C-alpha atoms as a PDB file:
ATOM      1  CA  MET A   1      96.668 122.627 121.617  1.00  0.00           C
ATOM      2  CA  ILE A   2      93.594 122.339 123.649  1.00  0.00           C
ATOM      3  CA  ILE A   3      90.603 120.668 121.840  1.00  0.00           C
ATOM      4  CA  SER A   4      87.097 119.550 122.909  1.00  0.00           C
ATOM      5  CA  THR A   5      86.805 116.496 125.049  1.00  0.00           C
ATOM      6  CA  PRO A   6      87.329 113.218 122.935  1.00  0.00           C
ATOM      7  CA  VAL A   7      85.276 110.185 122.854  1.00  0.00           C
ATOM      8  CA  ILE A   8      87.930 108.040 124.250  1.00  0.00           C
ATOM      9  CA  LYS A   9      90.233 109.058 127.129  1.00  0.00           C
ATOM     10  CA  ASP A  10      91.536 105.848 128.303  1.00  0.00           C
ATOM     11  CA  ASP A  11      95.174 105.503 127.323  1.00  0.00           C
ATOM     12  CA  ALA A  12      95.044 101.743 127.391  1.00  0.00           C
ATOM     13  CA  ILE A  13      92.047 101.851 124.845  1.00  0.00           C
ATOM     14  CA  ILE A  14      93.880 104.535 122.682  1.00  0.00           C
ATOM     15  CA  LEU A  15      96.975 102.439 122.594  1.00  0.00           C
ATOM     16  CA  GLY A  16      94.940  99.350 121.493  1.00  0.00           C
ATOM     17  CA  ILE A  17      93.237 101.303 118.819  1.00  0.00           C
ATOM     18  CA  LEU A  18      96.423 102.716 117.396  1.00  0.00           C
ATOM     19  CA  LEU A  19      98.182  99.145 117.442  1.00  0.00           C
ATOM     20  CA  ILE A  20      95.000  97.742 115.651  1.00  0.00           C
ATOM     21  CA  ILE A  21      95.333 100.450 113.008  1.00  0.00           C
ATOM     22  CA  LEU A  22      98.889  99.701 112.400  1.00  0.00           C
ATOM     23  CA  ALA A  23      98.156  95.883 112.390  1.00  0.00           C
ATOM     24  CA  PHE A  24      95.434  96.334 109.756  1.00  0.00           C
ATOM     25  CA  ILE A  25      97.781  98.434 107.655  1.00  0.00           C
ATOM     26  CA  PHE A  26     100.728  96.329 107.763  1.00  0.00           C
ATOM     27  CA  HIS A  27      98.630  93.160 107.131  1.00  0.00           C
ATOM     28  CA  THR A  28      96.730  94.494 104.109  1.00  0.00           C
ATOM     29  CA  GLU A  29      99.918  96.108 102.636  1.00  0.00           C
ATOM     30  CA  SER A  30     101.440  92.642 102.820  1.00  0.00           C
ATOM     31  CA  LYS A  31      99.040  91.232 100.192  1.00  0.00           C
ATOM     32  CA  LYS A  32     100.635  90.619  96.926  1.00  0.00           C
ATOM     33  CA  LYS A  33      97.474  90.445  94.858  1.00  0.00           C
ATOM     34  CA  GLY A  34      93.875  91.763  94.854  1.00  0.00           C
ATOM     35  CA  LEU A  35      92.439  95.087  95.675  1.00  0.00           C
ATOM     36  CA  TRP A  36      94.658  95.987  98.636  1.00  0.00           C
ATOM     37  CA  ASN A  37      97.670  95.587  96.471  1.00  0.00           C
ATOM     38  CA  LYS A  38      96.375  98.085  93.847  1.00  0.00           C
ATOM     39  CA  PHE A  39      95.319 100.302  96.571  1.00  0.00           C
ATOM     40  CA  TYR A  40      98.822 100.569  98.140  1.00  0.00           C
ATOM     41  CA  LYS A  41     100.453 101.096  94.851  1.00  0.00           C
ATOM     42  CA  ILE A  42      98.497 104.516  94.937  1.00  0.00           C
ATOM     43  CA  VAL A  43      98.440 105.262  98.650  1.00  0.00           C
ATOM     44  CA  PRO A  44     101.604 104.195 100.673  1.00  0.00           C
ATOM     45  CA  GLY A  45     101.177 102.281 103.881  1.00  0.00           C
ATOM     46  CA  LEU A  46     103.220 104.793 105.725  1.00  0.00           C
ATOM     47  CA  PHE A  47     100.985 107.508 104.696  1.00  0.00           C
ATOM     48  CA  LEU A  48      98.024 105.703 106.081  1.00  0.00           C
ATOM     49  CA  ALA A  49      99.751 104.862 109.363  1.00  0.00           C
ATOM     50  CA  TYR A  50     100.474 108.559 109.691  1.00  0.00           C
ATOM     51  CA  MET A  51      97.099 109.984 108.492  1.00  0.00           C
ATOM     52  CA  LEU A  52      94.584 107.713 110.167  1.00  0.00           C
ATOM     53  CA  PRO A  53      95.432 108.602 113.733  1.00  0.00           C
ATOM     54  CA  ALA A  54      95.651 112.127 112.842  1.00  0.00           C
ATOM     55  CA  ILE A  55      92.036 111.907 111.409  1.00  0.00           C
ATOM     56  CA  PHE A  56      90.893 110.222 114.593  1.00  0.00           C
ATOM     57  CA  THR A  57      92.307 113.117 116.570  1.00  0.00           C
ATOM     58  CA  SER A  58      90.746 115.660 114.067  1.00  0.00           C
ATOM     59  CA  ILE A  59      87.205 114.289 114.386  1.00  0.00           C
ATOM     60  CA  GLY A  60      87.484 114.128 118.220  1.00  0.00           C
ATOM     61  CA  ILE A  61      87.760 110.319 118.963  1.00  0.00           C
ATOM     62  CA  ILE A  62      91.109 110.671 120.559  1.00  0.00           C
ATOM     63  CA  ALA A  63      93.206 113.538 121.570  1.00  0.00           C
ATOM     64  CA  PRO A  64      96.584 114.419 123.077  1.00  0.00           C
ATOM     65  CA  GLU A  65      94.915 116.662 125.519  1.00  0.00           C
ATOM     66  CA  TRP A  66      91.627 118.238 126.392  1.00  0.00           C
ATOM     67  CA  GLU A  67      89.742 120.384 129.005  1.00  0.00           C
ATOM     68  CA  ILE A  68      87.402 119.420 131.829  1.00  0.00           C
ATOM     69  CA  MET A  69      85.396 121.527 134.149  1.00  0.00           C
ATOM     70  CA  THR A  70      85.696 120.599 138.072  1.00  0.00           C
ATOM     71  CA  GLN A  71      82.885 120.979 140.523  1.00  0.00           C
ATOM     72  CA  ASP A  72      84.140 124.323 141.566  1.00  0.00           C
ATOM     73  CA  GLY A  73      83.777 125.691 137.909  1.00  0.00           C
ATOM     74  CA  LEU A  74      87.497 125.641 137.208  1.00  0.00           C
ATOM     75  CA  ILE A  75      88.748 124.497 133.819  1.00  0.00           C
ATOM     76  CA  ILE A  76      91.717 122.276 133.899  1.00  0.00           C
ATOM     77  CA  THR A  77      93.676 120.510 131.028  1.00  0.00           C
ATOM     78  CA  GLN A  78      94.236 116.721 131.080  1.00  0.00           C
ATOM     79  CA  LYS A  79      96.674 115.060 128.867  1.00  0.00           C
ATOM     80  CA  SER A  80      97.162 111.656 127.597  1.00  0.00           C
ATOM     81  CA  ASN A  81     100.430 110.067 128.530  1.00  0.00           C
ATOM     82  CA  LEU A  82     100.834 108.043 125.372  1.00  0.00           C
ATOM     83  CA  TYR A  83     102.640 110.943 123.414  1.00  0.00           C
ATOM     84  CA  PHE A  84     105.028 111.670 126.442  1.00  0.00           C
ATOM     85  CA  ILE A  85     106.010 107.948 126.710  1.00  0.00           C
ATOM     86  CA  ALA A  86     106.338 107.655 122.947  1.00  0.00           C
ATOM     87  CA  SER A  87     108.338 110.871 122.506  1.00  0.00           C
ATOM     88  CA  ARG A  88     110.656 110.335 125.642  1.00  0.00           C
ATOM     89  CA  TYR A  89     111.343 106.788 125.585  1.00  0.00           C
ATOM     90  CA  LEU A  90     110.027 104.860 122.402  1.00  0.00           C
ATOM     91  CA  LEU A  91     111.024 107.395 119.833  1.00  0.00           C
ATOM     92  CA  PRO A  92     114.554 107.928 121.056  1.00  0.00           C
ATOM     93  CA  ALA A  93     115.203 104.275 121.382  1.00  0.00           C
ATOM     94  CA  SER A  94     113.881 103.713 117.890  1.00  0.00           C
ATOM     95  CA  LEU A  95     116.215 106.454 116.576  1.00  0.00           C
ATOM     96  CA  VAL A  96     119.247 104.910 118.143  1.00  0.00           C
ATOM     97  CA  LEU A  97     118.561 101.342 116.855  1.00  0.00           C
ATOM     98  CA  MET A  98     117.802 102.758 113.456  1.00  0.00           C
ATOM     99  CA  THR A  99     121.174 104.807 113.317  1.00  0.00           C
ATOM    100  CA  LEU A 100     123.105 101.708 114.342  1.00  0.00           C
ATOM    101  CA  SER A 101     122.266 100.121 111.056  1.00  0.00           C
ATOM    102  CA  ILE A 102     123.279 103.134 108.833  1.00  0.00           C
ATOM    103  CA  ASP A 103     126.126 102.505 106.411  1.00  0.00           C
ATOM    104  CA  LEU A 104     127.840 105.858 106.597  1.00  0.00           C
ATOM    105  CA  LYS A 105     130.314 104.873 104.160  1.00  0.00           C
ATOM    106  CA  GLY A 106     127.504 103.975 101.739  1.00  0.00           C
ATOM    107  CA  VAL A 107     125.848 107.200 102.387  1.00  0.00           C
ATOM    108  CA  PHE A 108     128.932 109.198 101.600  1.00  0.00           C
ATOM    109  CA  ASN A 109     129.499 107.012  98.537  1.00  0.00           C
ATOM    110  CA  LEU A 110     126.153 108.517  97.314  1.00  0.00           C
ATOM    111  CA  GLY A 111     127.991 111.604  96.055  1.00  0.00           C
ATOM    112  CA  TRP A 112     128.260 115.145  96.485  1.00  0.00           C
ATOM    113  CA  LYS A 113     124.895 115.873  95.257  1.00  0.00           C
ATOM    114  CA  SER A 114     123.132 114.088  98.014  1.00  0.00           C
ATOM    115  CA  LEU A 115     125.370 115.466 100.675  1.00  0.00           C
ATOM    116  CA  ILE A 116     124.631 118.974  99.380  1.00  0.00           C
ATOM    117  CA  MET A 117     120.803 118.160  99.569  1.00  0.00           C
ATOM    118  CA  PHE A 118     121.077 117.023 103.143  1.00  0.00           C
ATOM    119  CA  PHE A 119     123.094 120.083 104.239  1.00  0.00           C
ATOM    120  CA  THR A 120     120.837 122.376 102.215  1.00  0.00           C
ATOM    121  CA  GLY A 121     117.738 121.091 104.208  1.00  0.00           C
ATOM    122  CA  THR A 122     119.559 121.475 107.543  1.00  0.00           C
ATOM    123  CA  ILE A 123     120.761 125.185 106.676  1.00  0.00           C
ATOM    124  CA  GLY A 124     117.270 125.824 105.253  1.00  0.00           C
ATOM    125  CA  ILE A 125     115.583 125.105 108.652  1.00  0.00           C
ATOM    126  CA  ILE A 126     118.169 127.361 110.416  1.00  0.00           C
ATOM    127  CA  LEU A 127     118.106 130.227 108.012  1.00  0.00           C
ATOM    128  CA  GLY A 128     114.482 129.935 106.928  1.00  0.00           C
ATOM    129  CA  GLY A 129     113.116 131.974 109.818  1.00  0.00           C
ATOM    130  CA  PRO A 130     115.347 135.011 109.428  1.00  0.00           C
ATOM    131  CA  ILE A 131     114.911 134.978 105.632  1.00  0.00           C
ATOM    132  CA  ALA A 132     111.187 134.834 106.109  1.00  0.00           C
ATOM    133  CA  ILE A 133     111.270 137.920 108.531  1.00  0.00           C
ATOM    134  CA  ILE A 134     113.524 139.781 106.147  1.00  0.00           C
ATOM    135  CA  LEU A 135     111.280 139.189 103.140  1.00  0.00           C
ATOM    136  CA  THR A 136     108.055 139.588 104.979  1.00  0.00           C
ATOM    137  CA  ALA A 137     109.332 142.984 106.498  1.00  0.00           C
ATOM    138  CA  LYS A 138     109.500 144.413 102.912  1.00  0.00           C
ATOM    139  CA  ILE A 139     106.038 143.394 102.041  1.00  0.00           C
ATOM    140  CA  SER A 140     104.164 143.767 105.285  1.00  0.00           C
ATOM    141  CA  PRO A 141     106.187 145.276 108.137  1.00  0.00           C
ATOM    142  CA  GLU A 142     103.324 145.298 110.592  1.00  0.00           C
ATOM    143  CA  SER A 143     103.185 141.421 110.300  1.00  0.00           C
ATOM    144  CA  ILE A 144     106.627 141.027 111.899  1.00  0.00           C
ATOM    145  CA  GLY A 145     106.363 143.570 114.755  1.00  0.00           C
ATOM    146  CA  GLY A 146     106.665 142.875 118.368  1.00  0.00           C
ATOM    147  CA  VAL A 147     109.360 143.304 121.026  1.00  0.00           C
ATOM    148  CA  GLY A 148     110.417 141.338 123.861  1.00  0.00           C
ATOM    149  CA  ALA A 149     108.295 138.198 124.496  1.00  0.00           C
ATOM    150  CA  ASP A 150     106.260 139.052 121.409  1.00  0.00           C
ATOM    151  CA  ALA A 151     109.017 139.104 119.075  1.00  0.00           C
ATOM    152  CA  VAL A 152     108.367 137.119 115.959  1.00  0.00           C
ATOM    153  CA  TRP A 153     111.818 135.630 115.807  1.00  0.00           C
ATOM    154  CA  ARG A 154     111.126 133.999 119.275  1.00  0.00           C
ATOM    155  CA  GLY A 155     108.124 132.222 117.875  1.00  0.00           C
ATOM    156  CA  LEU A 156     110.010 131.178 114.675  1.00  0.00           C
ATOM    157  CA  SER A 157     112.649 129.756 116.884  1.00  0.00           C
ATOM    158  CA  THR A 158     109.853 127.236 118.281  1.00  0.00           C
ATOM    159  CA  LEU A 159     108.804 126.293 114.917  1.00  0.00           C
ATOM    160  CA  ALA A 160     112.398 125.486 113.853  1.00  0.00           C
ATOM    161  CA  GLY A 161     112.704 123.328 117.128  1.00  0.00           C
ATOM    162  CA  SER A 162     109.584 121.295 116.185  1.00  0.00           C
ATOM    163  CA  TRP A 163     110.902 120.660 112.658  1.00  0.00           C
ATOM    164  CA  ILE A 164     114.331 119.537 114.115  1.00  0.00           C
ATOM    165  CA  GLY A 165     113.045 117.486 117.182  1.00  0.00           C
ATOM    166  CA  GLY A 166     109.182 117.364 117.420  1.00  0.00           C
ATOM    167  CA  GLY A 167     106.747 118.717 119.651  1.00  0.00           C
ATOM    168  CA  ALA A 168     108.915 118.377 122.756  1.00  0.00           C
ATOM    169  CA  ASN A 169     111.714 120.239 121.297  1.00  0.00           C
ATOM    170  CA  GLN A 170     109.242 122.862 120.331  1.00  0.00           C
ATOM    171  CA  THR A 171     108.087 123.304 123.935  1.00  0.00           C
ATOM    172  CA  ALA A 172     111.683 123.485 125.006  1.00  0.00           C
ATOM    173  CA  MET A 173     112.261 126.493 122.618  1.00  0.00           C
ATOM    174  CA  LEU A 174     109.290 128.032 123.961  1.00  0.00           C
ATOM    175  CA  GLU A 175     110.776 128.029 127.411  1.00  0.00           C
ATOM    176  CA  ILE A 176     114.290 128.777 126.339  1.00  0.00           C
ATOM    177  CA  TYR A 177     113.480 131.857 124.276  1.00  0.00           C
ATOM    178  CA  GLY A 178     110.374 133.006 126.228  1.00  0.00           C
ATOM    179  CA  TYR A 179     107.874 133.608 123.550  1.00  0.00           C
ATOM    180  CA  ASN A 180     104.519 134.949 124.307  1.00  0.00           C
ATOM    181  CA  THR A 181     102.268 131.996 125.238  1.00  0.00           C
ATOM    182  CA  GLU A 182      99.102 133.744 124.076  1.00  0.00           C
ATOM    183  CA  LEU A 183     100.711 133.889 120.494  1.00  0.00           C
ATOM    184  CA  TYR A 184     102.158 130.464 120.812  1.00  0.00           C
ATOM    185  CA  GLY A 185      99.041 128.835 119.496  1.00  0.00           C
ATOM    186  CA  GLY A 186      99.567 130.490 116.028  1.00  0.00           C
ATOM    187  CA  MET A 187     103.104 128.918 115.700  1.00  0.00           C
ATOM    188  CA  VAL A 188     101.634 125.506 116.636  1.00  0.00           C
ATOM    189  CA  PHE A 189      98.960 125.937 113.986  1.00  0.00           C
ATOM    190  CA  VAL A 190     101.514 126.803 111.350  1.00  0.00           C
ATOM    191  CA  ASP A 191     103.681 123.773 112.454  1.00  0.00           C
ATOM    192  CA  ILE A 192     100.629 121.459 112.254  1.00  0.00           C
ATOM    193  CA  VAL A 193      99.523 122.703 108.769  1.00  0.00           C
ATOM    194  CA  VAL A 194     102.755 122.940 106.999  1.00  0.00           C
ATOM    195  CA  ALA A 195     104.189 119.820 108.826  1.00  0.00           C
ATOM    196  CA  ASN A 196     101.165 117.675 107.916  1.00  0.00           C
ATOM    197  CA  ILE A 197     100.756 118.901 104.312  1.00  0.00           C
ATOM    198  CA  TRP A 198     104.561 118.363 103.679  1.00  0.00           C
ATOM    199  CA  MET A 199     104.730 114.952 105.274  1.00  0.00           C
ATOM    200  CA  ALA A 200     101.606 113.926 103.213  1.00  0.00           C
ATOM    201  CA  LEU A 201     103.364 114.939 100.001  1.00  0.00           C
ATOM    202  CA  LEU A 202     106.565 113.050 101.059  1.00  0.00           C
ATOM    203  CA  LEU A 203     104.678 109.977 101.830  1.00  0.00           C
ATOM    204  CA  ILE A 204     102.636 109.965  98.814  1.00  0.00           C
ATOM    205  CA  GLY A 205     105.706 110.785  96.652  1.00  0.00           C
ATOM    206  CA  ILE A 206     107.237 107.439  97.908  1.00  0.00           C
ATOM    207  CA  GLY A 207     104.743 105.522  96.030  1.00  0.00           C
ATOM    208  CA  LYS A 208     105.329 107.712  93.005  1.00  0.00           C
ATOM    209  CA  ARG A 209     109.110 107.918  93.168  1.00  0.00           C
ATOM    210  CA  LYS A 210     109.822 106.025  89.935  1.00  0.00           C
ATOM    211  CA  LYS A 211     107.598 108.447  87.838  1.00  0.00           C
ATOM    212  CA  ILE A 212     108.945 111.433  89.747  1.00  0.00           C
ATOM    213  CA  ASN A 213     112.616 110.264  89.066  1.00  0.00           C
ATOM    214  CA  ARG A 214     111.765 109.648  85.324  1.00  0.00           C
ATOM    215  CA  TRP A 215     110.274 113.084  85.202  1.00  0.00           C
ATOM    216  CA  LEU A 216     113.093 114.966  86.826  1.00  0.00           C
ATOM    217  CA  LYS A 217     115.648 112.697  84.891  1.00  0.00           C
ATOM    218  CA  ALA A 218     117.311 111.924  88.112  1.00  0.00           C
ATOM    219  CA  ASP A 219     120.129 109.451  88.526  1.00  0.00           C
ATOM    220  CA  THR A 220     119.238 107.069  91.180  1.00  0.00           C
ATOM    221  CA  GLN A 221     121.897 104.509  90.386  1.00  0.00           C
ATOM    222  CA  ALA A 222     123.978 105.191  93.494  1.00  0.00           C
ATOM    223  CA  ILE A 223     120.960 104.840  95.774  1.00  0.00           C
ATOM    224  CA  ASP A 224     119.754 101.652  93.947  1.00  0.00           C
ATOM    225  CA  ASN A 225     123.169 100.137  94.404  1.00  0.00           C
ATOM    226  CA  LEU A 226     123.258 100.988  98.121  1.00  0.00           C
ATOM    227  CA  LYS A 227     119.777  99.426  98.374  1.00  0.00           C
ATOM    228  CA  ILE A 228     121.170  96.299  96.757  1.00  0.00           C
ATOM    229  CA  LYS A 229     124.067  96.144  99.031  1.00  0.00           C
ATOM    230  CA  VAL A 230     122.002  96.500 102.102  1.00  0.00           C
ATOM    231  CA  ASN A 231     119.574  93.906 101.053  1.00  0.00           C
ATOM    232  CA  GLU A 232     122.479  91.417 100.367  1.00  0.00           C
ATOM    233  CA  PHE A 233     124.011  92.331 103.717  1.00  0.00           C
ATOM    234  CA  THR A 234     120.750  91.836 105.388  1.00  0.00           C
ATOM    235  CA  LYS A 235     120.211  88.362 103.824  1.00  0.00           C
ATOM    236  CA  GLN A 236     123.651  87.396 104.893  1.00  0.00           C
ATOM    237  CA  THR A 237     123.284  88.374 108.431  1.00  0.00           C
ATOM    238  CA  SER A 238     119.642  88.006 109.173  1.00  0.00           C
ATOM    239  CA  ARG A 239     118.318  85.442 111.768  1.00  0.00           C
ATOM    240  CA  LEU A 240     115.510  84.846 113.880  1.00  0.00           C
ATOM    241  CA  PRO A 241     116.055  86.721 117.054  1.00  0.00           C
ATOM    242  CA  ASN A 242     115.862  84.790 120.355  1.00  0.00           C
ATOM    243  CA  LEU A 243     115.023  86.065 123.745  1.00  0.00           C
ATOM    244  CA  THR A 244     118.746  87.130 124.438  1.00  0.00           C
ATOM    245  CA  ASP A 245     118.902  89.077 121.205  1.00  0.00           C
ATOM    246  CA  LEU A 246     115.686  90.911 121.890  1.00  0.00           C
ATOM    247  CA  ILE A 247     116.975  91.876 125.468  1.00  0.00           C
ATOM    248  CA  ILE A 248     120.260  93.151 124.121  1.00  0.00           C
ATOM    249  CA  ILE A 249     118.468  95.422 121.591  1.00  0.00           C
ATOM    250  CA  ALA A 250     116.272  96.679 124.114  1.00  0.00           C
ATOM    251  CA  GLY A 251     119.351  97.256 126.579  1.00  0.00           C
ATOM    252  CA  ILE A 252     121.049  99.129 123.706  1.00  0.00           C
ATOM    253  CA  GLY A 253     118.020 101.222 122.773  1.00  0.00           C
ATOM    254  CA  PHE A 254     116.722 102.211 126.171  1.00  0.00           C
ATOM    255  CA  GLY A 255     120.189 102.283 127.823  1.00  0.00           C
ATOM    256  CA  SER A 256     121.101 104.987 125.259  1.00  0.00           C
ATOM    257  CA  VAL A 257     117.915 106.887 126.206  1.00  0.00           C
ATOM    258  CA  GLY A 258     118.788 106.518 129.874  1.00  0.00           C
ATOM    259  CA  PHE A 259     122.341 108.010 129.270  1.00  0.00           C
ATOM    260  CA  SER A 260     120.698 110.714 127.165  1.00  0.00           C
ATOM    261  CA  HIS A 261     118.362 111.791 130.035  1.00  0.00           C
ATOM    262  CA  PHE A 262     121.230 111.657 132.508  1.00  0.00           C
ATOM    263  CA  PHE A 263     123.326 114.135 130.487  1.00  0.00           C
ATOM    264  CA  ALA A 264     120.224 116.187 129.877  1.00  0.00           C
ATOM    265  CA  THR A 265     119.785 116.653 133.592  1.00  0.00           C
ATOM    266  CA  LYS A 266     123.389 118.034 133.524  1.00  0.00           C
ATOM    267  CA  LEU A 267     122.940 120.281 130.429  1.00  0.00           C
ATOM    268  CA  ALA A 268     119.562 121.731 131.124  1.00  0.00           C
ATOM    269  CA  PRO A 269     120.774 123.722 134.251  1.00  0.00           C
ATOM    270  CA  PHE A 270     123.784 124.813 132.248  1.00  0.00           C
ATOM    271  CA  PHE A 271     121.680 126.429 129.612  1.00  0.00           C
ATOM    272  CA  GLU A 272     119.334 127.800 132.184  1.00  0.00           C
ATOM    273  CA  LYS A 273     122.149 129.609 133.836  1.00  0.00           C
ATOM    274  CA  LYS A 274     123.350 130.935 130.451  1.00  0.00           C
ATOM    275  CA  LYS A 275     119.725 132.128 129.686  1.00  0.00           C
ATOM    276  CA  SER A 276     119.413 133.883 133.115  1.00  0.00           C
ATOM    277  CA  SER A 277     122.640 135.569 132.404  1.00  0.00           C
ATOM    278  CA  ASN A 278     121.303 136.906 129.072  1.00  0.00           C
ATOM    279  CA  PHE A 279     123.783 134.779 127.143  1.00  0.00           C
ATOM    280  CA  LEU A 280     121.198 133.764 124.577  1.00  0.00           C
END
């Protein structure tokens, strides 16, 4: 999405600002007493870490991309490289390292209710678009019109892609399904509004989870037992990492990212070939 020129355009300065924000949040959240302790009981630190950069973007201090006018009167778009680096390298590496510590056996021991909830969310993203089109067609048929590149289902595919894999995946779905780029802004707007509202509710809910569980009469004993097990395992195996440990961690994380990019270069032409042959 193109917005007006931000106040700060230097990536090094933006990175410094973002890290200072995170450092401030984590430092104040670690306080066990005082005003900050009371504040974070109401507003979770994760919510602030997510929301403050969004506010900085909204008020024009920083931006992922912006327009400039050249001396020839041409308008070109400039982009920050921070999102590209984070989405292509840092985020995938973090996901790899995070999943390595998942106790899959413990997750499955949470019971069938948790598994049903997980698969319901997955299926909901897949089927949500078609169901929305069917229901809207009964109420307002003109709202779901369009053929070819203007077909609404193509736009919803980009939306589902974003909710599954973020903005990069949304752009990939745009290229694969060939949605009208002039209408694409509407899907981006829906993605930003819905995703930000939902994420805000989830992060706020983290701080209110005990009250919510009591209200819903939810049985969280299995989750609590898993937390205790993980904490005990962490205490037994935790140690101060040395340089070798850090290099190994970085090797595993970024090595996995490298392999992923390698296979992506092989798979992308395959899917492009299928697309050109009208397989999709």
